[in-house]
C-alpha atoms as a PDB file:
ATOM      1  CA  UNK A   1     108.026  98.362  64.810  1.00  0.00           C
ATOM      2  CA  UNK A   2     110.529  97.090  67.411  1.00  0.00           C
ATOM      3  CA  UNK A   3     109.626  97.110  71.098  1.00  0.00           C
ATOM      4  CA  UNK A   4     112.093  96.180  73.830  1.00  0.00           C
ATOM      5  CA  UNK A   5     110.988  94.481  77.023  1.00  0.00           C
ATOM      6  CA  UNK A   6     113.638  95.519  79.530  1.00  0.00           C
ATOM      7  CA  UNK A   7     113.126  93.080  82.382  1.00  0.00           C
ATOM      8  CA  UNK A   8     110.417  90.581  83.317  1.00  0.00           C
ATOM      9  CA  UNK A   9     110.457  91.140  87.061  1.00  0.00           C
ATOM     10  CA  UNK A  10     106.676  90.912  87.566  1.00  0.00           C
ATOM     11  CA  UNK A  11     103.709  89.346  85.769  1.00  0.00           C
ATOM     12  CA  UNK A  12     102.854  92.573  83.942  1.00  0.00           C
ATOM     13  CA  UNK A  13     105.357  92.432  81.037  1.00  0.00           C
ATOM     14  CA  UNK A  14     104.150  88.930  80.153  1.00  0.00           C
ATOM     15  CA  UNK A  15     100.642  90.344  79.828  1.00  0.00           C
ATOM     16  CA  UNK A  16     101.905  93.404  77.941  1.00  0.00           C
ATOM     17  CA  UNK A  17     103.757  91.189  75.465  1.00  0.00           C
ATOM     18  CA  UNK A  18     100.607  89.304  74.460  1.00  0.00           C
ATOM     19  CA  UNK A  19      99.136  92.558  73.183  1.00  0.00           C
ATOM     20  CA  UNK A  20     102.376  94.066  71.879  1.00  0.00           C
ATOM     21  CA  UNK A  21     103.225  90.950  69.853  1.00  0.00           C
ATOM     22  CA  UNK A  22     100.242  91.695  67.606  1.00  0.00           C
ATOM     23  CA  UNK A  23     101.801  95.028  66.649  1.00  0.00           C
ATOM     24  CA  UNK A  24     105.568  94.763  66.908  1.00  0.00           C
ATOM     25  CA  UNK A  25     108.710  92.673  66.841  1.00  0.00           C
ATOM     26  CA  UNK A  26     109.735  91.967  70.441  1.00  0.00           C
ATOM     27  CA  UNK A  27     113.240  92.078  71.874  1.00  0.00           C
ATOM     28  CA  UNK A  28     113.684  90.965  75.476  1.00  0.00           C
ATOM     29  CA  UNK A  29     116.236  91.023  78.259  1.00  0.00           C
ATOM     30  CA  UNK A  30     115.855  89.507  81.719  1.00  0.00           C
ATOM     31  CA  UNK A  31     118.347  88.651  84.470  1.00  0.00           C
ATOM     32  CA  UNK A  32     116.587  85.507  85.703  1.00  0.00           C
ATOM     33  CA  UNK A  33     116.966  82.458  83.381  1.00  0.00           C
ATOM     34  CA  UNK A  34     113.700  80.866  84.489  1.00  0.00           C
ATOM     35  CA  UNK A  35     111.685  84.009  83.786  1.00  0.00           C
ATOM     36  CA  UNK A  36     113.372  84.320  80.410  1.00  0.00           C
ATOM     37  CA  UNK A  37     112.616  80.693  79.598  1.00  0.00           C
ATOM     38  CA  UNK A  38     108.971  81.162  80.488  1.00  0.00           C
ATOM     39  CA  UNK A  39     108.808  84.188  78.174  1.00  0.00           C
ATOM     40  CA  UNK A  40     110.543  82.605  75.190  1.00  0.00           C
ATOM     41  CA  UNK A  41     108.370  79.496  75.513  1.00  0.00           C
ATOM     42  CA  UNK A  42     105.375  81.745  74.923  1.00  0.00           C
ATOM     43  CA  UNK A  43     107.106  84.022  72.388  1.00  0.00           C
ATOM     44  CA  UNK A  44     109.627  81.831  70.521  1.00  0.00           C
ATOM     45  CA  UNK A  45     110.206  84.460  67.827  1.00  0.00           C
ATOM     46  CA  UNK A  46     111.260  87.172  70.274  1.00  0.00           C
ATOM     47  CA  UNK A  47     114.903  88.195  70.023  1.00  0.00           C
ATOM     48  CA  UNK A  48     116.926  87.809  73.223  1.00  0.00           C
ATOM     49  CA  UNK A  49     119.545  90.312  74.398  1.00  0.00           C
ATOM     50  CA  UNK A  50     122.311  89.381  76.814  1.00  0.00           C
ATOM     51  CA  UNK A  51     122.300  92.667  78.747  1.00  0.00           C
ATOM     52  CA  UNK A  52     120.349  95.875  79.118  1.00  0.00           C
ATOM     53  CA  UNK A  53     123.065  97.689  77.195  1.00  0.00           C
ATOM     54  CA  UNK A  54     122.785  95.218  74.307  1.00  0.00           C
ATOM     55  CA  UNK A  55     118.993  95.524  74.351  1.00  0.00           C
ATOM     56  CA  UNK A  56     119.126  99.300  74.038  1.00  0.00           C
ATOM     57  CA  UNK A  57     121.958  99.435  71.495  1.00  0.00           C
ATOM     58  CA  UNK A  58     119.907  98.526  68.435  1.00  0.00           C
ATOM     59  CA  UNK A  59     117.110 100.358  66.642  1.00  0.00           C
ATOM     60  CA  UNK A  60     114.093 100.624  68.930  1.00  0.00           C
ATOM     61  CA  UNK A  61     110.717 102.334  68.819  1.00  0.00           C
ATOM     62  CA  UNK A  62     109.797 101.918  72.463  1.00  0.00           C
ATOM     63  CA  UNK A  63     110.742 100.256  75.760  1.00  0.00           C
ATOM     64  CA  UNK A  64     108.664  98.570  78.457  1.00  0.00           C
ATOM     65  CA  UNK A  65     110.750  98.657  81.634  1.00  0.00           C
ATOM     66  CA  UNK A  66     110.098  96.123  84.412  1.00  0.00           C
ATOM     67  CA  UNK A  67     112.983  95.565  86.795  1.00  0.00           C
ATOM     68  CA  UNK A  68     113.014  95.301  90.613  1.00  0.00           C
ATOM     69  CA  UNK A  69     112.390  98.723  92.130  1.00  0.00           C
ATOM     70  CA  UNK A  70     115.926  99.343  93.414  1.00  0.00           C
ATOM     71  CA  UNK A  71     117.151  98.989  89.812  1.00  0.00           C
ATOM     72  CA  UNK A  72     114.584 101.309  88.192  1.00  0.00           C
ATOM     73  CA  UNK A  73     116.441 104.657  88.450  1.00  0.00           C
ATOM     74  CA  UNK A  74     119.663 103.358  86.891  1.00  0.00           C
ATOM     75  CA  UNK A  75     117.841 101.366  84.209  1.00  0.00           C
ATOM     76  CA  UNK A  76     115.493 104.234  83.354  1.00  0.00           C
ATOM     77  CA  UNK A  77     118.458 106.589  83.025  1.00  0.00           C
ATOM     78  CA  UNK A  78     119.845 104.323  80.305  1.00  0.00           C
ATOM     79  CA  UNK A  79     116.473 104.095  78.563  1.00  0.00           C
ATOM     80  CA  UNK A  80     116.101 107.881  78.616  1.00  0.00           C
ATOM     81  CA  UNK A  81     119.383 108.205  76.714  1.00  0.00           C
ATOM     82  CA  UNK A  82     117.740 106.483  73.738  1.00  0.00           C
ATOM     83  CA  UNK A  83     114.980 109.114  73.553  1.00  0.00           C
ATOM     84  CA  UNK A  84     112.294 106.551  72.716  1.00  0.00           C
ATOM     85  CA  UNK A  85     108.894 106.185  74.354  1.00  0.00           C
ATOM     86  CA  UNK A  86     109.012 104.285  77.633  1.00  0.00           C
ATOM     87  CA  UNK A  87     106.401 102.593  79.806  1.00  0.00           C
ATOM     88  CA  UNK A  88     107.611 101.807  83.335  1.00  0.00           C
ATOM     89  CA  UNK A  89     105.500  99.097  84.933  1.00  0.00           C
ATOM     90  CA  UNK A  90     104.237 100.061  88.373  1.00  0.00           C
ATOM     91  CA  UNK A  91     105.409 101.257  90.774  1.00  0.00           C
ATOM     92  CA  UNK A  92     108.275 103.373  89.445  1.00  0.00           C
ATOM     93  CA  UNK A  93     109.492 104.005  93.005  1.00  0.00           C
ATOM     94  CA  UNK A  94     108.814 102.344  96.336  1.00  0.00           C
ATOM     95  CA  UNK A  95     111.050 104.270  98.728  1.00  0.00           C
ATOM     96  CA  UNK A  96     112.110 107.861  99.317  1.00  0.00           C
ATOM     97  CA  UNK A  97     115.639 107.151  98.093  1.00  0.00           C
ATOM     98  CA  UNK A  98     114.322 105.645  94.849  1.00  0.00           C
ATOM     99  CA  UNK A  99     111.974 108.591  94.310  1.00  0.00           C
ATOM    100  CA  UNK A 100     114.757 111.094  94.881  1.00  0.00           C
ATOM    101  CA  UNK A 101     116.862 109.276  92.297  1.00  0.00           C
ATOM    102  CA  UNK A 102     114.006 109.535  89.788  1.00  0.00           C
ATOM    103  CA  UNK A 103     113.749 113.259  90.544  1.00  0.00           C
ATOM    104  CA  UNK A 104     117.276 113.701  89.250  1.00  0.00           C
ATOM    105  CA  UNK A 105     116.512 112.124  85.867  1.00  0.00           C
ATOM    106  CA  UNK A 106     115.565 114.122  82.747  1.00  0.00           C
ATOM    107  CA  UNK A 107     112.159 112.467  82.363  1.00  0.00           C
ATOM    108  CA  UNK A 108     110.593 113.564  79.081  1.00  0.00           C
ATOM    109  CA  UNK A 109     106.963 113.698  78.013  1.00  0.00           C
ATOM    110  CA  UNK A 110     106.964 110.229  76.421  1.00  0.00           C
ATOM    111  CA  UNK A 111     107.475 108.397  79.715  1.00  0.00           C
ATOM    112  CA  UNK A 112     104.397 106.729  81.202  1.00  0.00           C
ATOM    113  CA  UNK A 113     104.096 104.882  84.493  1.00  0.00           C
ATOM    114  CA  UNK A 114     101.328 103.885  86.872  1.00  0.00           C
ATOM    115  CA  UNK A 115      98.432 101.540  87.417  1.00  0.00           C
ATOM    116  CA  UNK A 116      96.817 100.008  84.346  1.00  0.00           C
ATOM    117  CA  UNK A 117      93.417 100.545  86.006  1.00  0.00           C
ATOM    118  CA  UNK A 118      93.441 104.150  84.850  1.00  0.00           C
ATOM    119  CA  UNK A 119      92.846 102.762  81.349  1.00  0.00           C
ATOM    120  CA  UNK A 120      90.159 100.225  82.296  1.00  0.00           C
ATOM    121  CA  UNK A 121      86.985 100.756  80.198  1.00  0.00           C
ATOM    122  CA  UNK A 122      84.845 101.082  83.336  1.00  0.00           C
ATOM    123  CA  UNK A 123      87.000 103.983  84.553  1.00  0.00           C
ATOM    124  CA  UNK A 124      88.593 105.643  81.520  1.00  0.00           C
ATOM    125  CA  UNK A 125      87.617 109.304  81.261  1.00  0.00           C
ATOM    126  CA  UNK A 126      85.923 109.368  84.664  1.00  0.00           C
ATOM    127  CA  UNK A 127      87.986 112.341  85.794  1.00  0.00           C
ATOM    128  CA  UNK A 128      86.595 114.542  83.046  1.00  0.00           C
ATOM    129  CA  UNK A 129      83.069 113.842  84.298  1.00  0.00           C
ATOM    130  CA  UNK A 130      83.680 114.851  87.919  1.00  0.00           C
ATOM    131  CA  UNK A 131      82.486 118.247  89.167  1.00  0.00           C
ATOM    132  CA  UNK A 132      84.825 118.583  92.113  1.00  0.00           C
ATOM    133  CA  UNK A 133      82.756 121.386  93.644  1.00  0.00           C
ATOM    134  CA  UNK A 134      80.071 118.768  94.332  1.00  0.00           C
ATOM    135  CA  UNK A 135      82.457 116.209  95.850  1.00  0.00           C
ATOM    136  CA  UNK A 136      82.696 115.923  99.638  1.00  0.00           C
ATOM    137  CA  UNK A 137      84.992 112.912  99.844  1.00  0.00           C
ATOM    138  CA  UNK A 138      86.198 109.910  97.848  1.00  0.00           C
ATOM    139  CA  UNK A 139      87.181 106.335  98.595  1.00  0.00           C
ATOM    140  CA  UNK A 140      89.076 103.686  96.626  1.00  0.00           C
ATOM    141  CA  UNK A 141      88.959 100.014  97.560  1.00  0.00           C
ATOM    142  CA  UNK A 142      91.582  97.576  96.281  1.00  0.00           C
ATOM    143  CA  UNK A 143      90.926  93.822  96.487  1.00  0.00           C
ATOM    144  CA  UNK A 144      93.959  91.866  95.305  1.00  0.00           C
ATOM    145  CA  UNK A 145      95.255  88.799  97.116  1.00  0.00           C
ATOM    146  CA  UNK A 146      98.934  88.875  98.093  1.00  0.00           C
ATOM    147  CA  UNK A 147      99.178  85.305  99.350  1.00  0.00           C
ATOM    148  CA  UNK A 148     101.755  84.368  96.715  1.00  0.00           C
ATOM    149  CA  UNK A 149     104.293  86.578  98.519  1.00  0.00           C
ATOM    150  CA  UNK A 150     103.729  84.578 101.710  1.00  0.00           C
ATOM    151  CA  UNK A 151     105.401  81.646  99.927  1.00  0.00           C
ATOM    152  CA  UNK A 152     108.570  83.697  99.359  1.00  0.00           C
ATOM    153  CA  UNK A 153     107.819  84.444  95.698  1.00  0.00           C
ATOM    154  CA  UNK A 154     109.377  87.731  94.514  1.00  0.00           C
ATOM    155  CA  UNK A 155     110.476  88.559  98.058  1.00  0.00           C
ATOM    156  CA  UNK A 156     111.762  91.969  96.919  1.00  0.00           C
ATOM    157  CA  UNK A 157     108.194  93.090  96.205  1.00  0.00           C
ATOM    158  CA  UNK A 158     107.122  92.194  99.745  1.00  0.00           C
ATOM    159  CA  UNK A 159     110.140  93.921 101.321  1.00  0.00           C
ATOM    160  CA  UNK A 160     109.212  97.483 102.390  1.00  0.00           C
ATOM    161  CA  UNK A 161     112.607  99.014 101.588  1.00  0.00           C
ATOM    162  CA  UNK A 162     112.809  97.422  98.134  1.00  0.00           C
ATOM    163  CA  UNK A 163     109.462  96.914  96.410  1.00  0.00           C
ATOM    164  CA  UNK A 164     107.329  98.659  99.019  1.00  0.00           C
ATOM    165  CA  UNK A 165     105.208  95.700 100.087  1.00  0.00           C
ATOM    166  CA  UNK A 166     101.433  95.591  99.881  1.00  0.00           C
ATOM    167  CA  UNK A 167     101.027  99.242 100.895  1.00  0.00           C
ATOM    168  CA  UNK A 168     102.876 100.420  97.782  1.00  0.00           C
ATOM    169  CA  UNK A 169     102.505  97.654  95.198  1.00  0.00           C
ATOM    170  CA  UNK A 170      98.752  97.220  95.706  1.00  0.00           C
ATOM    171  CA  UNK A 171      98.048 100.646  97.163  1.00  0.00           C
ATOM    172  CA  UNK A 172      99.108 102.294  93.914  1.00  0.00           C
ATOM    173  CA  UNK A 173      95.912 101.060  92.278  1.00  0.00           C
ATOM    174  CA  UNK A 174      93.721 103.027  94.673  1.00  0.00           C
ATOM    175  CA  UNK A 175      95.870 106.157  94.817  1.00  0.00           C
ATOM    176  CA  UNK A 176      96.204 106.217  91.029  1.00  0.00           C
ATOM    177  CA  UNK A 177      92.439 106.111  90.519  1.00  0.00           C
ATOM    178  CA  UNK A 178      91.815 108.944  92.971  1.00  0.00           C
ATOM    179  CA  UNK A 179      94.559 111.147  91.501  1.00  0.00           C
ATOM    180  CA  UNK A 180      93.149 110.447  88.020  1.00  0.00           C
ATOM    181  CA  UNK A 181      89.799 111.730  89.292  1.00  0.00           C
ATOM    182  CA  UNK A 182      90.906 114.726  91.359  1.00  0.00           C
ATOM    183  CA  UNK A 183      94.397 115.681  90.252  1.00  0.00           C
ATOM    184  CA  UNK A 184      97.898 115.752  91.761  1.00  0.00           C
ATOM    185  CA  UNK A 185      97.486 118.455  94.419  1.00  0.00           C
ATOM    186  CA  UNK A 186      97.204 115.874  97.177  1.00  0.00           C
ATOM    187  CA  UNK A 187      99.118 114.753 100.250  1.00  0.00           C
ATOM    188  CA  UNK A 188      99.043 111.846 102.658  1.00  0.00           C
ATOM    189  CA  UNK A 189      97.684 112.652 106.121  1.00  0.00           C
ATOM    190  CA  UNK A 190      97.740 109.171 107.652  1.00  0.00           C
ATOM    191  CA  UNK A 191      98.330 105.479 107.002  1.00  0.00           C
ATOM    192  CA  UNK A 192      98.201 102.135 108.800  1.00  0.00           C
ATOM    193  CA  UNK A 193      98.779  98.505 107.901  1.00  0.00           C
ATOM    194  CA  UNK A 194      98.506  95.071 109.506  1.00  0.00           C
ATOM    195  CA  UNK A 195      99.010  91.355 108.896  1.00  0.00           C
ATOM    196  CA  UNK A 196      95.582  89.829 109.437  1.00  0.00           C
ATOM    197  CA  UNK A 197      95.976  86.527 107.598  1.00  0.00           C
ATOM    198  CA  UNK A 198      99.356  85.945 105.918  1.00  0.00           C
ATOM    199  CA  UNK A 199     101.643  85.781 108.942  1.00  0.00           C
ATOM    200  CA  UNK A 200     104.829  85.115 106.937  1.00  0.00           C
ATOM    201  CA  UNK A 201     104.667  88.329 104.894  1.00  0.00           C
ATOM    202  CA  UNK A 202     107.434  90.897 105.253  1.00  0.00           C
ATOM    203  CA  UNK A 203     104.926  93.705 104.787  1.00  0.00           C
ATOM    204  CA  UNK A 204     101.171  93.863 105.465  1.00  0.00           C
ATOM    205  CA  UNK A 205      98.131  92.187 103.961  1.00  0.00           C
ATOM    206  CA  UNK A 206      95.703  95.014 104.785  1.00  0.00           C
ATOM    207  CA  UNK A 207      96.195  98.754 104.758  1.00  0.00           C
ATOM    208  CA  UNK A 208      94.499 102.117 104.747  1.00  0.00           C
ATOM    209  CA  UNK A 209      95.573 105.617 103.687  1.00  0.00           C
ATOM    210  CA  UNK A 210      93.981 108.994 104.365  1.00  0.00           C
ATOM    211  CA  UNK A 211      94.496 111.708 101.739  1.00  0.00           C
ATOM    212  CA  UNK A 212      93.625 115.412 101.464  1.00  0.00           C
ATOM    213  CA  UNK A 213      93.545 117.564  98.341  1.00  0.00           C
ATOM    214  CA  UNK A 214      94.486 121.242  98.511  1.00  0.00           C
ATOM    215  CA  UNK A 215      90.855 122.327  98.092  1.00  0.00           C
ATOM    216  CA  UNK A 216      89.746 120.283 101.104  1.00  0.00           C
ATOM    217  CA  UNK A 217      88.425 117.079  99.537  1.00  0.00           C
ATOM    218  CA  UNK A 218      89.381 114.090 101.656  1.00  0.00           C
ATOM    219  CA  UNK A 219      90.011 110.577 100.417  1.00  0.00           C
ATOM    220  CA  UNK A 220      90.525 107.069 101.706  1.00  0.00           C
ATOM    221  CA  UNK A 221      92.331 104.138 100.101  1.00  0.00           C
ATOM    222  CA  UNK A 222      91.513 100.684 101.477  1.00  0.00           C
ATOM    223  CA  UNK A 223      93.822  97.795 100.567  1.00  0.00           C
ATOM    224  CA  UNK A 224      92.539  94.261 101.083  1.00  0.00           C
ATOM    225  CA  UNK A 225      95.309  91.810 100.284  1.00  0.00           C
ATOM    226  CA  UNK A 226      93.318  88.818 101.503  1.00  0.00           C
ATOM    227  CA  UNK A 227      90.657  88.212  98.892  1.00  0.00           C
ATOM    228  CA  UNK A 228      89.307  85.337  96.813  1.00  0.00           C
ATOM    229  CA  UNK A 229      88.529  87.688  93.908  1.00  0.00           C
ATOM    230  CA  UNK A 230      90.196  90.697  92.330  1.00  0.00           C
ATOM    231  CA  UNK A 231      88.229  93.927  92.020  1.00  0.00           C
ATOM    232  CA  UNK A 232      88.605  97.652  92.466  1.00  0.00           C
ATOM    233  CA  UNK A 233      86.084 100.309  93.357  1.00  0.00           C
ATOM    234  CA  UNK A 234      85.893 104.082  93.579  1.00  0.00           C
ATOM    235  CA  UNK A 235      83.147 105.862  95.505  1.00  0.00           C
ATOM    236  CA  UNK A 236      82.378 109.582  95.252  1.00  0.00           C
ATOM    237  CA  UNK A 237      80.376 111.035  98.121  1.00  0.00           C
ATOM    238  CA  UNK A 238      78.263 114.085  97.328  1.00  0.00           C
ATOM    239  CA  UNK A 239      75.686 115.917  99.437  1.00  0.00           C
ATOM    240  CA  UNK A 240      72.726 113.795  98.410  1.00  0.00           C
ATOM    241  CA  UNK A 241      74.225 111.216  96.063  1.00  0.00           C
ATOM    242  CA  UNK A 242      76.819 108.462  96.250  1.00  0.00           C
ATOM    243  CA  UNK A 243      78.362 107.368  92.954  1.00  0.00           C
ATOM    244  CA  UNK A 244      80.367 104.168  92.583  1.00  0.00           C
ATOM    245  CA  UNK A 245      82.632 102.877  89.818  1.00  0.00           C
ATOM    246  CA  UNK A 246      83.549  99.185  89.907  1.00  0.00           C
ATOM    247  CA  UNK A 247      86.430  97.715  87.908  1.00  0.00           C
ATOM    248  CA  UNK A 248      86.477  93.945  87.462  1.00  0.00           C
ATOM    249  CA  UNK A 249      88.294  91.565  85.171  1.00  0.00           C
ATOM    250  CA  UNK A 250      85.171  90.230  83.460  1.00  0.00           C
ATOM    251  CA  UNK A 251      85.500  87.725  80.631  1.00  0.00           C
ATOM    252  CA  UNK A 252      88.577  89.483  79.241  1.00  0.00           C
ATOM    253  CA  UNK A 253      90.919  90.600  82.066  1.00  0.00           C
ATOM    254  CA  UNK A 254      93.442  92.104  79.648  1.00  0.00           C
ATOM    255  CA  UNK A 255      90.802  94.532  78.469  1.00  0.00           C
ATOM    256  CA  UNK A 256      88.684  94.783  81.607  1.00  0.00           C
ATOM    257  CA  UNK A 257      91.568  95.669  83.936  1.00  0.00           C
ATOM    258  CA  UNK A 258      93.158  98.164  81.556  1.00  0.00           C
ATOM    259  CA  UNK A 259      96.202  96.265  80.270  1.00  0.00           C
ATOM    260  CA  UNK A 260      95.050  96.614  76.672  1.00  0.00           C
ATOM    261  CA  UNK A 261      94.270 100.308  77.092  1.00  0.00           C
ATOM    262  CA  UNK A 262      97.674 100.916  78.637  1.00  0.00           C
ATOM    263  CA  UNK A 263      99.433  99.281  75.696  1.00  0.00           C
ATOM    264  CA  UNK A 264      97.323 101.341  73.302  1.00  0.00           C
ATOM    265  CA  UNK A 265      98.421 104.505  75.117  1.00  0.00           C
ATOM    266  CA  UNK A 266     102.042 103.355  74.960  1.00  0.00           C
ATOM    267  CA  UNK A 267     101.804 102.637  71.230  1.00  0.00           C
ATOM    268  CA  UNK A 268     100.402 106.131  70.684  1.00  0.00           C
ATOM    269  CA  UNK A 269     103.514 107.442  72.458  1.00  0.00           C
ATOM    270  CA  UNK A 270     105.661 105.290  70.182  1.00  0.00           C
ATOM    271  CA  UNK A 271     103.931 107.104  67.336  1.00  0.00           C
ATOM    272  CA  UNK A 272     104.983 110.463  68.772  1.00  0.00           C
ATOM    273  CA  UNK A 273     102.176 111.397  71.173  1.00  0.00           C
ATOM    274  CA  UNK A 274     103.023 112.620  74.678  1.00  0.00           C
ATOM    275  CA  UNK A 275     102.151 110.481  77.672  1.00  0.00           C
ATOM    276  CA  UNK A 276      98.431 110.757  78.512  1.00  0.00           C
ATOM    277  CA  UNK A 277      99.474 110.935  82.182  1.00  0.00           C
ATOM    278  CA  UNK A 278     101.735 113.922  82.944  1.00  0.00           C
ATOM    279  CA  UNK A 279     104.736 112.971  85.064  1.00  0.00           C
ATOM    280  CA  UNK A 280     103.529 115.470  87.677  1.00  0.00           C
ATOM    281  CA  UNK A 281     100.564 113.191  88.359  1.00  0.00           C
ATOM    282  CA  UNK A 282     102.759 110.118  88.522  1.00  0.00           C
ATOM    283  CA  UNK A 283     105.129 111.924  90.904  1.00  0.00           C
ATOM    284  CA  UNK A 284     102.189 112.839  93.156  1.00  0.00           C
ATOM    285  CA  UNK A 285     101.012 109.217  93.286  1.00  0.00           C
ATOM    286  CA  UNK A 286     104.513 107.993  94.128  1.00  0.00           C
ATOM    287  CA  UNK A 287     104.956 110.597  96.861  1.00  0.00           C
ATOM    288  CA  UNK A 288     101.716 109.508  98.564  1.00  0.00           C
ATOM    289  CA  UNK A 289     102.775 105.854  98.395  1.00  0.00           C
ATOM    290  CA  UNK A 290     106.290 106.484  99.678  1.00  0.00           C
ATOM    291  CA  UNK A 291     104.906 108.640 102.487  1.00  0.00           C
ATOM    292  CA  UNK A 292     102.490 105.863 103.440  1.00  0.00           C
ATOM    293  CA  UNK A 293     105.360 103.355 103.450  1.00  0.00           C
ATOM    294  CA  UNK A 294     107.354 105.635 105.735  1.00  0.00           C
ATOM    295  CA  UNK A 295     104.405 105.952 108.133  1.00  0.00           C
ATOM    296  CA  UNK A 296     104.003 102.186 108.402  1.00  0.00           C
ATOM    297  CA  UNK A 297     107.577 100.888 108.080  1.00  0.00           C
END
């Protein structure tokens, strides 16, 4: 099996590769020499391509795409021409213009994108267990420190018009979990963000979104980008009961946070299975995030 890593723009493909290397031969392309050096130091047997075109020209079974958000539509278009399974590391779009470009692509049913938390053992399958007629409201809480951006690292991620900033890049975790529970018939009804601690950020370090599903269920996403620990929670409010799901890294973050489960889903797609997350759901998540970014730009 041959898997291509198209770009190493965030930490995620490095984590993906540790699992993928147990199953496949890796081929990698990255624009930044330092990122490439870091990868090949860890995976000395990986084959290196000099361009995206060279990477995609050979025989491939699947592609993991991780490039800066403004480059995703053009890069994904080239990947789609190969017809192989593709996992796009989150978020696939961070602005309205990027999302509209994705809408023009012929995205097939072996394209997966979104938060790895959907595949975390503590959460996997939770949507199938929810009786939405009993649900009054839901809340997702995201705790993930964004202090590294305050140093200037990966400035494109912290720039609202490029990577979407904290509202999009961290907010996707909460929105994804709620859409996994309640489905894609949802819209944003309000959003706000602020810099409470990291004054040098280009975006925010805290944020909140208000959502409403077509059947009247309301939802809240809280984003706490100032945090000593990483954790995620989902709360379902019912008439007499409150149910909470907590996702933490535990002793094995790759498994506990859903990275391993995501790669397993991707490998099933490589084997011919459709994406376990219909693109309609992914599109709904992205629309909420882009709308929130527009409200708080």
